[in-house]
Amino acid sequence: REKEKKKIEKGKGVDESPYARMPYPRKKRVKNLEREKEFKKFMKLLNKLEMAIPLVEALEQMPSYAKFLKELLTKKRKPLDEEMVSMTEECSALIQRKLPQKKKDPGSFTIPCSI
C-alpha cells in the first residue's frame, strides 16, 4: 500500500495521458475578436486625433496603440475606411485605365517676340 501511495504522490504533477493537449480554437477566436474591437477603438481615436505635440511624444503616451500603428504603417493591417469617395474625371480615368491616346509629337514651336 505504501508503494501505491508513493506512485500516486509522484504522479500528481505529471499528466500521463497519451494524448497531447491542444488549445481550444474558441479561445483564439475570442482573442481575435477582442483584438479587432481594440483596433476599431484605435481607429476611431485616430480619426478624432488632433495633435499639438510631436508624434514621438504622442506614441510615448499611448504604448498600447503602438502595435496597431506599426501594423498600419507596415501595411500588415488595412484601415477600416470602406466609404464611397467621389472622384474627379482624371482620377476615375486612371483607376479604370481609360487614359486618352497619345498624340504624335507636333515638333518644335516658335514664340514670336520683338526686341
Protein backbone atom coordinates (compact mmCIF):
# COMPACT_ATOMS: atom_id res chain seq x y z
CA ARG A 1 0.00 0.00 0.00
CA GLU A 2 2.81 2.40 0.76
CA LYS A 3 4.28 1.82 -2.70
CA GLU A 4 0.93 2.65 -4.28
CA LYS A 5 0.71 5.90 -2.25
CA LYS A 6 4.22 6.89 -3.36
CA LYS A 7 3.31 6.23 -7.00
CA ILE A 8 0.19 8.35 -6.65
CA GLU A 9 2.15 11.18 -4.98
CA LYS A 10 4.82 11.07 -7.69
CA GLY A 11 2.25 11.11 -10.47
CA LYS A 12 0.31 14.13 -9.15
CA GLY A 13 2.19 16.79 -11.08
CA VAL A 14 2.70 14.81 -14.29
CA ASP A 15 -0.02 14.19 -16.86
CA GLU A 16 0.44 10.63 -18.07
CA SER A 17 -2.23 10.65 -20.78
CA PRO A 18 -1.01 9.57 -24.24
CA TYR A 19 -2.87 12.44 -25.92
CA ALA A 20 -1.40 15.88 -26.48
CA ARG A 21 -3.33 18.84 -25.14
CA MET A 22 -4.39 21.26 -27.85
CA PRO A 23 -5.65 24.79 -27.24
CA TYR A 24 -9.32 25.27 -27.91
CA PRO A 25 -9.98 27.20 -31.14
CA ARG A 26 -12.66 29.20 -29.34
CA LYS A 27 -10.03 30.89 -27.16
CA LYS A 28 -8.15 32.04 -30.24
CA ARG A 29 -11.33 33.29 -31.86
CA VAL A 30 -12.30 35.23 -28.73
CA LYS A 31 -8.80 36.70 -28.56
CA ASN A 32 -9.01 37.77 -32.23
CA LEU A 33 -12.44 39.34 -31.66
CA GLU A 34 -11.10 41.28 -28.68
CA ARG A 35 -8.13 42.43 -30.76
CA GLU A 36 -10.47 43.58 -33.56
CA LYS A 37 -12.54 45.54 -31.03
CA GLU A 38 -9.37 47.22 -29.78
CA PHE A 39 -8.36 48.03 -33.36
CA LYS A 40 -11.76 49.59 -34.12
CA LYS A 41 -11.48 51.66 -30.95
CA PHE A 42 -7.99 52.74 -32.00
CA MET A 43 -9.16 53.75 -35.48
CA LYS A 44 -11.99 55.83 -34.00
CA LEU A 45 -9.48 57.53 -31.72
CA LEU A 46 -7.07 58.08 -34.60
CA ASN A 47 -9.79 59.67 -36.74
CA LYS A 48 -10.62 62.14 -33.94
CA LEU A 49 -6.99 62.87 -33.13
CA GLU A 50 -5.70 66.41 -33.46
CA MET A 51 -2.14 66.80 -32.22
CA ALA A 52 -0.42 69.84 -30.90
CA ILE A 53 2.51 67.76 -29.64
CA PRO A 54 5.25 65.92 -31.55
CA LEU A 55 4.41 62.46 -32.84
CA VAL A 56 7.11 60.84 -30.70
CA GLU A 57 5.57 62.19 -27.50
CA ALA A 58 2.14 61.01 -28.61
CA LEU A 59 3.49 57.49 -29.18
CA GLU A 60 5.08 57.51 -25.74
CA GLN A 61 1.72 58.39 -24.22
CA MET A 62 -0.13 55.55 -25.95
CA PRO A 63 2.05 52.42 -25.84
CA SER A 64 -0.91 50.06 -26.13
CA TYR A 65 -1.79 51.57 -29.51
CA ALA A 66 1.77 51.46 -30.83
CA LYS A 67 1.36 47.91 -32.15
CA PHE A 68 -1.70 48.92 -34.18
CA LEU A 69 0.08 51.96 -35.57
CA LYS A 70 3.04 49.78 -36.51
CA GLU A 71 0.72 47.35 -38.32
CA LEU A 72 -0.86 50.23 -40.22
CA LEU A 73 2.48 51.70 -41.24
CA THR A 74 3.93 48.36 -42.34
CA LYS A 75 0.69 47.64 -44.25
CA LYS A 76 0.01 44.43 -42.36
CA ARG A 77 -3.43 45.76 -41.49
CA LYS A 78 -5.73 47.95 -43.54
CA PRO A 79 -7.69 50.85 -42.07
CA LEU A 80 -11.42 50.35 -41.61
CA ASP A 81 -12.38 53.01 -44.14
CA GLU A 82 -14.81 51.46 -46.58
CA GLU A 83 -16.61 54.60 -47.65
CA MET A 84 -17.71 55.75 -51.07
CA VAL A 85 -15.49 58.51 -52.37
CA SER A 86 -16.36 60.80 -55.24
CA MET A 87 -13.58 61.17 -57.78
CA THR A 88 -12.78 63.66 -60.45
CA GLU A 89 -12.80 62.60 -64.08
CA GLU A 90 -8.99 62.38 -64.15
CA CYS A 91 -8.78 60.06 -61.13
CA SER A 92 -11.57 57.88 -62.41
CA ALA A 93 -9.80 57.54 -65.77
CA LEU A 94 -6.58 56.46 -64.05
CA ILE A 95 -8.31 53.80 -61.98
CA GLN A 96 -10.33 52.44 -64.88
CA ARG A 97 -7.29 52.63 -67.17
CA LYS A 98 -9.17 54.73 -69.70
CA LEU A 99 -6.35 57.11 -70.46
CA PRO A 100 -6.52 59.26 -73.59
CA GLN A 101 -4.47 58.10 -76.57
CA LYS A 102 -1.09 59.67 -77.12
CA LYS A 103 -0.79 62.13 -79.99
CA LYS A 104 2.16 62.48 -82.35
CA ASP A 105 4.93 64.90 -81.47
CA PRO A 106 3.97 68.26 -83.07
CA GLY A 107 7.62 69.17 -83.48
CA SER A 108 9.28 72.41 -82.42
CA PHE A 109 7.32 75.55 -81.82
CA THR A 110 8.20 79.23 -82.01
CA ILE A 111 7.16 82.05 -79.79
CA PRO A 112 7.06 85.38 -81.64
CA CYS A 113 8.66 88.24 -79.72
CA SER A 114 10.21 91.56 -80.67
CA ILE A 115 13.16 93.26 -79.01
